Amino acid sequence: MRMIGTALMCTVLLAAVPVSAHCGKCGVGDAKTVANDEHVHAEIGKPAPEFTLKDTEGKEVKLSDLKGKIVVLEWINHECPVVNRAHNAKQMTNTLAKFKGQPVVWLAIDSSWFAEDKRDGIRAWMKDQKIEYPILLDAPGDVGHQYGAKTTPQMFVIDKEGVLAYAGAMDNNQSGDEENPRNYVEEAVSALLKGSAVATAKTKSYGCSVKYKG
């Protein structure tokens, strides 16, 4: 399957989700993060790094305000063909719909260096895709580096206590040919809602590389 257009200049890669990821460029730029330690990083079984970001409408979202709910983070880039493949199939929105009425919050984060400049394009894309959850803008890449986000899409699931419970791919369908792909995010959220441990806490993400600044 040819997923990459030259105009998009999108590098498709298979990235192993690290057990821990150094923050890298934390503290650089204008995005507001709450964590003061530049070495804060995302690690399964440990508190998820705190952050405060604004969405495409300028509304501020603070992770710690969502404690008591399961939070799904989706790293996103509306120009990435792998992201578009997933959203054209309504994979993310259909997964979220399965948890309607449950204490589950879904947030997308765009750590592309051009995220702020393409705010209007992101809004138009959201409308076209009928995405109702917010896309948070992280143009300096601070939050992306804290979480060790390597690809778009890449998924993280945080439990009700604010602990990172899953990191990796949305599914096992890198080729796009699987008729019934395994949905890792759905499995993780379902387990947490039942009070159970997440059986598969880490997988390898796949997609376009995150277009970090610099």
N, C-alpha and C. Protein backbone atom coordinates (compact mmCIF):
# COMPACT_ATOMS: atom_id res chain seq x y z
N MET A 1 0.85 -1.19 0.00
CA MET A 1 0.00 0.00 0.00
C MET A 1 0.88 1.24 0.00
N ARG A 2 0.68 2.11 -0.97
CA ARG A 2 1.51 3.31 -1.05
C ARG A 2 0.83 4.43 -0.29
N MET A 3 1.36 4.75 0.88
CA MET A 3 0.68 5.69 1.77
C MET A 3 1.31 7.07 1.75
N ILE A 4 2.46 7.22 1.09
CA ILE A 4 3.19 8.46 1.28
C ILE A 4 3.19 9.27 0.01
N GLY A 5 2.73 10.51 0.05
CA GLY A 5 2.80 11.41 -1.08
C GLY A 5 4.01 12.29 -0.93
N THR A 6 4.68 12.55 -2.07
CA THR A 6 5.89 13.37 -2.01
C THR A 6 5.58 14.75 -1.44
N ALA A 7 4.42 15.28 -1.79
CA ALA A 7 4.07 16.62 -1.33
C ALA A 7 3.93 16.68 0.17
N LEU A 8 3.53 15.57 0.76
CA LEU A 8 3.34 15.57 2.21
C LEU A 8 4.65 15.42 2.94
N MET A 9 5.66 14.88 2.27
CA MET A 9 6.98 14.68 2.87
C MET A 9 6.86 14.00 4.22
N CYS A 10 6.09 12.95 4.26
CA CYS A 10 5.81 12.28 5.52
C CYS A 10 6.58 10.99 5.60
N THR A 11 7.45 10.87 6.55
CA THR A 11 8.25 9.67 6.72
C THR A 11 7.47 8.64 7.51
N VAL A 12 7.17 7.52 6.87
CA VAL A 12 6.45 6.46 7.56
C VAL A 12 7.47 5.54 8.20
N LEU A 13 7.26 5.24 9.47
CA LEU A 13 8.22 4.43 10.17
C LEU A 13 7.54 3.55 11.19
N LEU A 14 8.28 2.56 11.63
CA LEU A 14 7.83 1.69 12.71
C LEU A 14 8.71 2.00 13.89
N ALA A 15 8.10 2.50 14.99
CA ALA A 15 8.88 2.96 16.12
C ALA A 15 8.55 2.15 17.35
N ALA A 16 9.58 1.64 18.00
CA ALA A 16 9.35 0.93 19.25
C ALA A 16 9.01 1.94 20.32
N VAL A 17 7.96 1.68 21.07
CA VAL A 17 7.59 2.56 22.16
C VAL A 17 8.56 2.33 23.30
N PRO A 18 9.28 3.35 23.74
CA PRO A 18 10.29 3.16 24.77
C PRO A 18 9.66 2.92 26.13
N VAL A 19 10.39 2.18 26.97
CA VAL A 19 9.94 2.01 28.34
C VAL A 19 9.93 3.36 29.01
N SER A 20 10.93 4.17 28.71
CA SER A 20 10.94 5.55 29.17
C SER A 20 11.52 6.40 28.07
N ALA A 21 11.07 7.64 28.01
CA ALA A 21 11.54 8.53 26.95
C ALA A 21 11.98 9.84 27.56
N HIS A 22 13.21 10.23 27.29
CA HIS A 22 13.71 11.49 27.83
C HIS A 22 12.91 12.65 27.24
N CYS A 23 12.72 13.65 28.03
CA CYS A 23 11.91 14.79 27.63
C CYS A 23 12.51 15.56 26.47
N GLY A 24 13.83 15.58 26.34
CA GLY A 24 14.46 16.22 25.19
C GLY A 24 14.37 17.73 25.22
N LYS A 25 13.34 18.29 24.55
CA LYS A 25 13.24 19.75 24.40
C LYS A 25 12.28 20.38 25.40
N CYS A 26 12.03 19.73 26.53
CA CYS A 26 11.12 20.30 27.50
C CYS A 26 11.57 21.71 27.88
N GLY A 27 10.60 22.59 28.04
CA GLY A 27 10.91 23.94 28.47
C GLY A 27 11.21 24.88 27.32
N VAL A 28 11.29 24.37 26.07
CA VAL A 28 11.57 25.20 24.92
C VAL A 28 10.25 25.66 24.30
N GLY A 29 10.12 26.95 24.03
CA GLY A 29 8.94 27.42 23.33
C GLY A 29 7.86 27.95 24.26
N ASP A 30 6.65 28.12 23.70
CA ASP A 30 5.59 28.80 24.41
C ASP A 30 4.54 27.90 25.03
N ALA A 31 4.52 26.60 24.67
CA ALA A 31 3.49 25.72 25.24
C ALA A 31 3.66 25.64 26.74
N LYS A 32 2.55 25.63 27.46
CA LYS A 32 2.60 25.61 28.91
C LYS A 32 2.58 24.18 29.41
N THR A 33 3.58 23.80 30.16
CA THR A 33 3.58 22.49 30.80
C THR A 33 3.70 22.72 32.29
N VAL A 34 3.06 21.83 33.05
CA VAL A 34 3.04 22.01 34.49
C VAL A 34 4.25 21.39 35.15
N ALA A 35 4.77 20.31 34.55
CA ALA A 35 5.90 19.63 35.16
C ALA A 35 7.11 20.55 35.19
N ASN A 36 7.79 20.61 36.33
CA ASN A 36 8.95 21.48 36.46
C ASN A 36 10.25 20.76 36.16
N ASP A 37 10.26 19.42 36.31
CA ASP A 37 11.47 18.64 36.09
C ASP A 37 11.63 18.37 34.61
N GLU A 38 12.72 18.88 34.00
CA GLU A 38 12.90 18.69 32.57
C GLU A 38 13.14 17.23 32.21
N HIS A 39 13.37 16.38 33.20
CA HIS A 39 13.60 14.97 32.93
C HIS A 39 12.34 14.12 33.13
N VAL A 40 11.20 14.76 33.35
CA VAL A 40 9.95 14.02 33.45
C VAL A 40 9.73 13.28 32.14
N HIS A 41 9.34 12.02 32.22
CA HIS A 41 9.11 11.23 31.03
C HIS A 41 7.96 10.26 31.27
N ALA A 42 7.40 9.77 30.19
CA ALA A 42 6.28 8.84 30.29
C ALA A 42 6.79 7.42 30.48
N GLU A 43 6.23 6.72 31.44
CA GLU A 43 6.64 5.35 31.73
C GLU A 43 5.43 4.57 32.21
N ILE A 44 5.23 3.39 31.64
CA ILE A 44 4.11 2.55 32.03
C ILE A 44 4.15 2.28 33.53
N GLY A 45 3.01 2.46 34.19
CA GLY A 45 2.92 2.21 35.63
C GLY A 45 3.31 3.39 36.48
N LYS A 46 3.71 4.48 35.86
CA LYS A 46 4.10 5.69 36.58
C LYS A 46 3.13 6.82 36.21
N PRO A 47 3.03 7.86 37.06
CA PRO A 47 2.14 8.98 36.73
C PRO A 47 2.47 9.58 35.36
N ALA A 48 1.44 9.81 34.57
CA ALA A 48 1.64 10.41 33.25
C ALA A 48 2.11 11.85 33.43
N PRO A 49 3.04 12.31 32.60
CA PRO A 49 3.52 13.70 32.71
C PRO A 49 2.37 14.70 32.61
N GLU A 50 2.35 15.63 33.52
CA GLU A 50 1.32 16.67 33.54
C GLU A 50 1.54 17.65 32.39
N PHE A 51 0.47 18.20 31.86
CA PHE A 51 0.59 19.23 30.84
C PHE A 51 -0.65 20.11 30.82
N THR A 52 -0.47 21.29 30.29
CA THR A 52 -1.57 22.20 29.99
C THR A 52 -1.35 22.70 28.57
N LEU A 53 -2.32 22.47 27.69
CA LEU A 53 -2.23 22.91 26.31
C LEU A 53 -3.55 23.56 25.89
N LYS A 54 -3.51 24.34 24.83
CA LYS A 54 -4.72 24.93 24.28
C LYS A 54 -5.14 24.19 23.02
N ASP A 55 -6.46 24.09 22.82
CA ASP A 55 -6.97 23.43 21.63
C ASP A 55 -7.07 24.43 20.48
N THR A 56 -7.62 24.01 19.37
CA THR A 56 -7.69 24.86 18.17
C THR A 56 -8.59 26.08 18.36
N GLU A 57 -9.42 26.06 19.40
CA GLU A 57 -10.30 27.20 19.69
C GLU A 57 -9.73 28.08 20.80
N GLY A 58 -8.54 27.73 21.30
CA GLY A 58 -7.91 28.53 22.34
C GLY A 58 -8.31 28.14 23.75
N LYS A 59 -9.08 27.05 23.89
CA LYS A 59 -9.49 26.59 25.21
C LYS A 59 -8.38 25.77 25.85
N GLU A 60 -8.09 26.08 27.11
CA GLU A 60 -7.01 25.41 27.82
C GLU A 60 -7.48 24.07 28.40
N VAL A 61 -6.65 23.07 28.25
CA VAL A 61 -6.95 21.74 28.81
C VAL A 61 -5.77 21.33 29.69
N LYS A 62 -6.08 20.96 30.93
CA LYS A 62 -5.06 20.56 31.89
C LYS A 62 -5.29 19.10 32.26
N LEU A 63 -4.27 18.28 32.09
CA LEU A 63 -4.43 16.84 32.32
C LEU A 63 -4.93 16.52 33.72
N SER A 64 -4.37 17.17 34.73
CA SER A 64 -4.74 16.84 36.11
C SER A 64 -6.20 17.15 36.42
N ASP A 65 -6.84 18.02 35.64
CA ASP A 65 -8.26 18.31 35.83
C ASP A 65 -9.13 17.12 35.45
N LEU A 66 -8.55 16.16 34.76
CA LEU A 66 -9.30 15.00 34.27
C LEU A 66 -9.11 13.77 35.15
N LYS A 67 -8.46 13.94 36.29
CA LYS A 67 -8.28 12.82 37.20
C LYS A 67 -9.64 12.27 37.62
N GLY A 68 -9.75 10.96 37.67
CA GLY A 68 -11.03 10.32 37.95
C GLY A 68 -11.67 9.80 36.66
N LYS A 69 -11.04 10.15 35.53
CA LYS A 69 -11.50 9.66 34.23
C LYS A 69 -10.35 8.97 33.51
N ILE A 70 -10.69 8.06 32.62
CA ILE A 70 -9.68 7.44 31.77
C ILE A 70 -9.43 8.40 30.61
N VAL A 71 -8.17 8.69 30.35
CA VAL A 71 -7.81 9.64 29.31
C VAL A 71 -7.04 8.93 28.20
N VAL A 72 -7.52 9.09 26.98
CA VAL A 72 -6.83 8.57 25.81
C VAL A 72 -6.16 9.74 25.10
N LEU A 73 -4.85 9.63 24.86
CA LEU A 73 -4.12 10.64 24.11
C LEU A 73 -3.77 10.08 22.73
N GLU A 74 -4.07 10.82 21.71
CA GLU A 74 -3.80 10.42 20.33
C GLU A 74 -2.88 11.44 19.68
N TRP A 75 -1.64 11.05 19.38
CA TRP A 75 -0.77 11.98 18.66
C TRP A 75 -1.20 12.00 17.21
N ILE A 76 -1.32 13.22 16.66
CA ILE A 76 -2.01 13.38 15.39
C ILE A 76 -1.30 14.41 14.51
N ASN A 77 -1.45 14.27 13.22
CA ASN A 77 -1.03 15.26 12.23
C ASN A 77 -1.99 15.10 11.07
N HIS A 78 -2.83 16.09 10.83
CA HIS A 78 -3.89 15.95 9.83
C HIS A 78 -3.38 15.79 8.41
N GLU A 79 -2.08 16.03 8.19
CA GLU A 79 -1.50 15.86 6.86
C GLU A 79 -0.89 14.48 6.66
N CYS A 80 -0.83 13.69 7.71
CA CYS A 80 -0.21 12.37 7.63
C CYS A 80 -1.18 11.37 6.98
N PRO A 81 -0.76 10.64 5.94
CA PRO A 81 -1.65 9.69 5.28
C PRO A 81 -2.07 8.53 6.17
N VAL A 82 -1.23 8.15 7.12
CA VAL A 82 -1.60 7.05 8.02
C VAL A 82 -2.70 7.51 8.97
N VAL A 83 -2.60 8.74 9.44
CA VAL A 83 -3.65 9.33 10.26
C VAL A 83 -4.95 9.41 9.47
N ASN A 84 -4.85 9.85 8.23
CA ASN A 84 -6.05 9.97 7.40
C ASN A 84 -6.67 8.62 7.10
N ARG A 85 -5.85 7.61 6.91
CA ARG A 85 -6.39 6.26 6.69
C ARG A 85 -7.23 5.83 7.89
N ALA A 86 -6.68 6.04 9.08
CA ALA A 86 -7.40 5.65 10.30
C ALA A 86 -8.68 6.44 10.48
N HIS A 87 -8.61 7.74 10.23
CA HIS A 87 -9.79 8.58 10.44
C HIS A 87 -10.82 8.42 9.32
N ASN A 88 -10.38 8.14 8.12
CA ASN A 88 -11.34 7.86 7.05
C ASN A 88 -12.16 6.61 7.36
N ALA A 89 -11.53 5.68 8.09
CA ALA A 89 -12.21 4.46 8.51
C ALA A 89 -12.97 4.66 9.82
N LYS A 90 -12.92 5.89 10.36
CA LYS A 90 -13.60 6.24 11.61
C LYS A 90 -13.14 5.37 12.79
N GLN A 91 -11.89 4.97 12.74
CA GLN A 91 -11.38 4.06 13.76
C GLN A 91 -11.38 4.69 15.15
N MET A 92 -10.89 5.92 15.24
CA MET A 92 -10.80 6.57 16.54
C MET A 92 -12.19 6.97 17.05
N THR A 93 -12.99 7.62 16.20
CA THR A 93 -14.30 8.07 16.65
C THR A 93 -15.22 6.89 16.98
N ASN A 94 -15.11 5.80 16.22
CA ASN A 94 -15.93 4.62 16.51
C ASN A 94 -15.52 3.97 17.83
N THR A 95 -14.21 3.99 18.11
CA THR A 95 -13.73 3.43 19.38
C THR A 95 -14.25 4.26 20.54
N LEU A 96 -14.15 5.57 20.43
CA LEU A 96 -14.65 6.44 21.50
C LEU A 96 -16.15 6.25 21.69
N ALA A 97 -16.89 6.08 20.60
CA ALA A 97 -18.35 5.93 20.69
C ALA A 97 -18.76 4.70 21.49
N LYS A 98 -17.89 3.70 21.52
CA LYS A 98 -18.20 2.48 22.27
C LYS A 98 -18.22 2.74 23.78
N PHE A 99 -17.62 3.84 24.20
CA PHE A 99 -17.54 4.16 25.62
C PHE A 99 -18.42 5.36 25.99
N LYS A 100 -19.40 5.64 25.16
CA LYS A 100 -20.31 6.74 25.42
C LYS A 100 -20.99 6.55 26.77
N GLY A 101 -21.01 7.59 27.57
CA GLY A 101 -21.62 7.50 28.89
C GLY A 101 -20.68 6.99 29.96
N GLN A 102 -19.48 6.58 29.56
CA GLN A 102 -18.47 6.10 30.50
C GLN A 102 -17.49 7.24 30.81
N PRO A 103 -16.76 7.14 31.91
CA PRO A 103 -15.80 8.20 32.26
C PRO A 103 -14.52 8.11 31.42
N VAL A 104 -14.68 8.37 30.13
CA VAL A 104 -13.55 8.29 29.19
C VAL A 104 -13.44 9.60 28.42
N VAL A 105 -12.25 10.17 28.40
CA VAL A 105 -11.99 11.42 27.67
C VAL A 105 -10.93 11.14 26.61
N TRP A 106 -11.17 11.63 25.41
CA TRP A 106 -10.23 11.44 24.30
C TRP A 106 -9.67 12.79 23.89
N LEU A 107 -8.35 12.92 23.86
CA LEU A 107 -7.68 14.14 23.46
C LEU A 107 -6.66 13.83 22.37
N ALA A 108 -6.64 14.61 21.32
CA ALA A 108 -5.59 14.50 20.31
C ALA A 108 -4.57 15.60 20.56
N ILE A 109 -3.31 15.32 20.25
CA ILE A 109 -2.24 16.30 20.42
C ILE A 109 -1.44 16.38 19.13
N ASP A 110 -1.26 17.59 18.63
CA ASP A 110 -0.45 17.81 17.43
C ASP A 110 0.84 18.50 17.84
N SER A 111 1.94 17.75 17.77
CA SER A 111 3.25 18.29 18.14
C SER A 111 4.05 18.73 16.92
N SER A 112 3.40 18.85 15.77
CA SER A 112 4.08 19.34 14.57
C SER A 112 4.52 20.79 14.78
N TRP A 113 5.69 21.12 14.29
CA TRP A 113 6.21 22.48 14.48
C TRP A 113 5.29 23.52 13.83
N PHE A 114 4.51 23.09 12.83
CA PHE A 114 3.64 24.03 12.12
C PHE A 114 2.20 24.00 12.61
N ALA A 115 1.95 23.35 13.74
CA ALA A 115 0.57 23.17 14.22
C ALA A 115 -0.17 24.49 14.40
N GLU A 116 0.48 25.47 15.00
CA GLU A 116 -0.17 26.76 15.23
C GLU A 116 -0.49 27.46 13.90
N ASP A 117 0.44 27.39 12.97
CA ASP A 117 0.27 28.06 11.68
C ASP A 117 -0.86 27.43 10.86
N LYS A 118 -1.13 26.17 11.09
CA LYS A 118 -2.14 25.46 10.31
C LYS A 118 -3.41 25.21 11.10
N ARG A 119 -3.65 26.06 12.09
CA ARG A 119 -4.83 25.92 12.95
C ARG A 119 -6.13 25.87 12.12
N ASP A 120 -6.26 26.76 11.14
CA ASP A 120 -7.49 26.80 10.34
C ASP A 120 -7.65 25.52 9.53
N GLY A 121 -6.55 25.01 9.00
CA GLY A 121 -6.60 23.76 8.26
C GLY A 121 -6.98 22.59 9.13
N ILE A 122 -6.49 22.60 10.37
CA ILE A 122 -6.84 21.54 11.31
C ILE A 122 -8.33 21.60 11.64
N ARG A 123 -8.84 22.80 11.86
CA ARG A 123 -10.27 22.97 12.15
C ARG A 123 -11.12 22.44 11.00
N ALA A 124 -10.73 22.78 9.77
CA ALA A 124 -11.49 22.33 8.59
C ALA A 124 -11.45 20.81 8.47
N TRP A 125 -10.29 20.24 8.75
CA TRP A 125 -10.13 18.79 8.69
C TRP A 125 -10.99 18.11 9.76
N MET A 126 -11.01 18.67 10.96
CA MET A 126 -11.84 18.12 12.04
C MET A 126 -13.32 18.12 11.64
N LYS A 127 -13.74 19.20 11.02
CA LYS A 127 -15.14 19.30 10.59
C LYS A 127 -15.44 18.25 9.54
N ASP A 128 -14.53 18.08 8.59
CA ASP A 128 -14.70 17.11 7.51
C ASP A 128 -14.75 15.69 8.07
N GLN A 129 -13.92 15.42 9.08
CA GLN A 129 -13.85 14.08 9.67
C GLN A 129 -14.89 13.88 10.78
N LYS A 130 -15.62 14.93 11.09
CA LYS A 130 -16.63 14.88 12.16
C LYS A 130 -16.00 14.47 13.51
N ILE A 131 -14.85 15.08 13.79
CA ILE A 131 -14.15 14.84 15.05
C ILE A 131 -14.66 15.86 16.07
N GLU A 132 -15.21 15.37 17.15
CA GLU A 132 -15.78 16.26 18.17
C GLU A 132 -14.88 16.44 19.38
N TYR A 133 -13.87 15.59 19.53
CA TYR A 133 -12.94 15.78 20.65
C TYR A 133 -11.87 16.78 20.23
N PRO A 134 -11.24 17.45 21.21
CA PRO A 134 -10.30 18.52 20.87
C PRO A 134 -8.96 18.02 20.35
N ILE A 135 -8.36 18.83 19.49
CA ILE A 135 -6.97 18.64 19.11
C ILE A 135 -6.17 19.74 19.79
N LEU A 136 -5.24 19.35 20.64
CA LEU A 136 -4.42 20.29 21.40
C LEU A 136 -3.15 20.58 20.62
N LEU A 137 -2.72 21.84 20.65
CA LEU A 137 -1.57 22.27 19.86
C LEU A 137 -0.31 22.35 20.71
N ASP A 138 0.71 21.63 20.28
CA ASP A 138 1.97 21.51 21.01
C ASP A 138 3.13 21.80 20.04
N ALA A 139 3.03 22.94 19.36
CA ALA A 139 4.02 23.27 18.32
C ALA A 139 5.47 23.25 18.81
N PRO A 140 5.79 23.69 20.03
CA PRO A 140 7.18 23.58 20.49
C PRO A 140 7.62 22.13 20.72
N GLY A 141 6.65 21.21 20.84
CA GLY A 141 6.98 19.80 21.00
C GLY A 141 7.27 19.36 22.42
N ASP A 142 7.07 20.24 23.39
CA ASP A 142 7.40 19.91 24.78
C ASP A 142 6.69 18.65 25.26
N VAL A 143 5.38 18.61 25.06
CA VAL A 143 4.59 17.48 25.58
C VAL A 143 4.90 16.22 24.78
N GLY A 144 5.07 16.36 23.48
CA GLY A 144 5.42 15.20 22.66
C GLY A 144 6.72 14.57 23.12
N HIS A 145 7.71 15.38 23.43
CA HIS A 145 8.98 14.85 23.91
C HIS A 145 8.83 14.22 25.29
N GLN A 146 8.01 14.80 26.15
CA GLN A 146 7.79 14.22 27.47
C GLN A 146 7.22 12.81 27.36
N TYR A 147 6.32 12.63 26.42
CA TYR A 147 5.67 11.32 26.26
C TYR A 147 6.45 10.39 25.34
N GLY A 148 7.49 10.90 24.72
CA GLY A 148 8.26 10.06 23.81
C GLY A 148 7.50 9.72 22.55
N ALA A 149 6.61 10.61 22.12
CA ALA A 149 5.82 10.36 20.91
C ALA A 149 6.73 10.38 19.69
N LYS A 150 6.66 9.31 18.91
CA LYS A 150 7.51 9.17 17.73
C LYS A 150 6.73 9.23 16.43
N THR A 151 5.48 8.77 16.47
CA THR A 151 4.72 8.64 15.23
C THR A 151 3.34 9.26 15.35
N THR A 152 2.75 9.52 14.19
CA THR A 152 1.32 9.85 14.14
C THR A 152 0.66 8.84 13.23
N PRO A 153 -0.35 8.11 13.77
CA PRO A 153 -0.83 8.22 15.15
C PRO A 153 0.06 7.45 16.13
N GLN A 154 -0.04 7.81 17.38
CA GLN A 154 0.53 7.05 18.50
C GLN A 154 -0.38 7.29 19.70
N MET A 155 -0.64 6.24 20.44
CA MET A 155 -1.68 6.29 21.46
C MET A 155 -1.13 6.07 22.86
N PHE A 156 -1.74 6.76 23.83
CA PHE A 156 -1.42 6.58 25.24
C PHE A 156 -2.75 6.53 26.00
N VAL A 157 -2.85 5.62 26.96
CA VAL A 157 -4.05 5.52 27.79
C VAL A 157 -3.65 5.71 29.24
N ILE A 158 -4.32 6.63 29.91
CA ILE A 158 -4.03 7.00 31.29
C ILE A 158 -5.21 6.60 32.16
N ASP A 159 -4.95 5.92 33.27
CA ASP A 159 -6.05 5.44 34.11
C ASP A 159 -6.64 6.56 34.98
N LYS A 160 -7.64 6.22 35.77
CA LYS A 160 -8.36 7.22 36.56
C LYS A 160 -7.49 7.89 37.61
N GLU A 161 -6.40 7.24 37.98
CA GLU A 161 -5.49 7.81 38.98
C GLU A 161 -4.38 8.63 38.33
N GLY A 162 -4.42 8.75 37.02
CA GLY A 162 -3.40 9.54 36.34
C GLY A 162 -2.14 8.77 36.01
N VAL A 163 -2.23 7.44 36.04
CA VAL A 163 -1.08 6.57 35.77
C VAL A 163 -1.14 6.07 34.33
N LEU A 164 0.00 6.09 33.66
CA LEU A 164 0.06 5.62 32.29
C LEU A 164 -0.11 4.11 32.24
N ALA A 165 -1.13 3.65 31.51
CA ALA A 165 -1.47 2.22 31.48
C ALA A 165 -1.18 1.56 30.13
N TYR A 166 -1.12 2.36 29.07
CA TYR A 166 -0.85 1.79 27.74
C TYR A 166 -0.13 2.83 26.89
N ALA A 167 0.78 2.35 26.04
CA ALA A 167 1.47 3.21 25.08
C ALA A 167 1.78 2.40 23.83
N GLY A 168 1.48 2.97 22.67
CA GLY A 168 1.82 2.28 21.44
C GLY A 168 0.87 2.57 20.30
N ALA A 169 0.61 1.54 19.50
CA ALA A 169 -0.22 1.66 18.31
C ALA A 169 -1.71 1.62 18.66
N MET A 170 -2.52 2.12 17.74
CA MET A 170 -3.97 1.99 17.87
C MET A 170 -4.38 0.53 17.68
N ASP A 171 -3.70 -0.12 16.74
CA ASP A 171 -4.07 -1.50 16.40
C ASP A 171 -2.86 -2.23 15.83
N ASN A 172 -3.10 -3.44 15.31
CA ASN A 172 -2.03 -4.24 14.73
C ASN A 172 -2.13 -4.26 13.20
N ASN A 173 -2.67 -3.18 12.63
CA ASN A 173 -2.97 -3.15 11.21
C ASN A 173 -2.07 -2.18 10.45
N GLN A 174 -0.76 -2.36 10.57
CA GLN A 174 0.16 -1.46 9.90
C GLN A 174 -0.01 -1.49 8.39
N SER A 175 -0.25 -2.66 7.84
CA SER A 175 -0.38 -2.78 6.38
C SER A 175 -1.71 -2.24 5.87
N GLY A 176 -2.70 -2.17 6.75
CA GLY A 176 -4.02 -1.74 6.33
C GLY A 176 -4.85 -2.84 5.71
N ASP A 177 -4.33 -4.08 5.75
CA ASP A 177 -4.99 -5.20 5.08
C ASP A 177 -5.77 -6.11 6.02
N GLU A 178 -5.65 -5.87 7.33
CA GLU A 178 -6.33 -6.73 8.30
C GLU A 178 -7.84 -6.49 8.27
N GLU A 179 -8.62 -7.57 8.13
CA GLU A 179 -10.07 -7.43 8.11
C GLU A 179 -10.63 -7.15 9.50
N ASN A 180 -10.03 -7.78 10.50
CA ASN A 180 -10.48 -7.60 11.89
C ASN A 180 -9.28 -7.29 12.77
N PRO A 181 -8.73 -6.08 12.65
CA PRO A 181 -7.54 -5.74 13.43
C PRO A 181 -7.81 -5.72 14.92
N ARG A 182 -6.77 -5.99 15.65
CA ARG A 182 -6.86 -5.96 17.12
C ARG A 182 -6.74 -4.51 17.58
N ASN A 183 -7.73 -4.03 18.31
CA ASN A 183 -7.77 -2.64 18.76
C ASN A 183 -7.19 -2.57 20.18
N TYR A 184 -5.92 -2.18 20.27
CA TYR A 184 -5.23 -2.15 21.57
C TYR A 184 -5.83 -1.11 22.51
N VAL A 185 -6.24 0.01 21.96
CA VAL A 185 -6.79 1.08 22.80
C VAL A 185 -8.13 0.65 23.38
N GLU A 186 -8.97 0.05 22.58
CA GLU A 186 -10.25 -0.45 23.09
C GLU A 186 -10.03 -1.48 24.19
N GLU A 187 -9.07 -2.36 23.98
CA GLU A 187 -8.76 -3.38 25.00
C GLU A 187 -8.31 -2.72 26.30
N ALA A 188 -7.44 -1.73 26.19
CA ALA A 188 -6.90 -1.08 27.38
C ALA A 188 -7.99 -0.34 28.16
N VAL A 189 -8.80 0.43 27.45
CA VAL A 189 -9.86 1.19 28.11
C VAL A 189 -10.88 0.24 28.74
N SER A 190 -11.24 -0.80 28.04
CA SER A 190 -12.21 -1.77 28.57
C SER A 190 -11.70 -2.41 29.85
N ALA A 191 -10.42 -2.77 29.85
CA ALA A 191 -9.83 -3.38 31.05
C ALA A 191 -9.86 -2.41 32.22
N LEU A 192 -9.49 -1.18 31.99
CA LEU A 192 -9.46 -0.19 33.06
C LEU A 192 -10.85 0.09 33.61
N LEU A 193 -11.85 0.11 32.75
CA LEU A 193 -13.22 0.33 33.21
C LEU A 193 -13.70 -0.81 34.10
N LYS A 194 -13.15 -2.00 33.87
CA LYS A 194 -13.51 -3.17 34.68
C LYS A 194 -12.67 -3.27 35.95
N GLY A 195 -11.69 -2.38 36.06
CA GLY A 195 -10.79 -2.44 37.21
C GLY A 195 -9.70 -3.47 37.06
N SER A 196 -9.46 -3.91 35.83
CA SER A 196 -8.46 -4.93 35.56
C SER A 196 -7.17 -4.30 35.03
N ALA A 197 -6.09 -5.08 35.11
CA ALA A 197 -4.82 -4.63 34.53
C ALA A 197 -4.90 -4.72 33.01
N VAL A 198 -4.17 -3.86 32.32
CA VAL A 198 -4.11 -3.90 30.87
C VAL A 198 -3.18 -5.04 30.46
N ALA A 199 -3.69 -6.00 29.74
CA ALA A 199 -2.91 -7.19 29.38
C ALA A 199 -1.73 -6.85 28.48
N THR A 200 -1.98 -6.01 27.49
CA THR A 200 -0.90 -5.58 26.59
C THR A 200 -0.68 -4.10 26.82
N ALA A 201 0.34 -3.78 27.60
CA ALA A 201 0.57 -2.39 28.01
C ALA A 201 1.45 -1.61 27.04
N LYS A 202 2.21 -2.31 26.20
CA LYS A 202 3.09 -1.64 25.24
C LYS A 202 3.05 -2.37 23.91
N THR A 203 3.00 -1.60 22.83
CA THR A 203 3.13 -2.15 21.48
C THR A 203 4.00 -1.19 20.67
N LYS A 204 4.32 -1.59 19.46
CA LYS A 204 5.09 -0.72 18.57
C LYS A 204 4.13 0.16 17.78
N SER A 205 4.37 1.44 17.81
CA SER A 205 3.53 2.35 17.03
C SER A 205 4.02 2.38 15.59
N TYR A 206 3.16 2.81 14.70
CA TYR A 206 3.54 2.96 13.30
C TYR A 206 2.83 4.18 12.72
N GLY A 207 3.42 4.77 11.71
CA GLY A 207 2.80 5.95 11.08
C GLY A 207 3.86 6.91 10.59
N CYS A 208 3.49 8.17 10.44
CA CYS A 208 4.43 9.21 10.03
C CYS A 208 5.24 9.66 11.24
N SER A 209 6.46 10.09 11.00
CA SER A 209 7.25 10.63 12.10
C SER A 209 6.63 11.93 12.58
N VAL A 210 6.71 12.17 13.89
CA VAL A 210 6.23 13.45 14.43
C VAL A 210 7.15 14.55 13.91
N LYS A 211 6.55 15.60 13.36
CA LYS A 211 7.33 16.68 12.75
C LYS A 211 7.72 17.73 13.79
N TYR A 212 8.67 17.34 14.66
CA TYR A 212 9.10 18.25 15.71
C TYR A 212 9.87 19.45 15.17
N LYS A 213 9.81 20.53 15.93
CA LYS A 213 10.55 21.73 15.59
C LYS A 213 12.04 21.44 15.61
N GLY A 214 12.73 21.87 14.59
CA GLY A 214 14.18 21.69 14.53
C GLY A 214 14.59 20.32 14.07
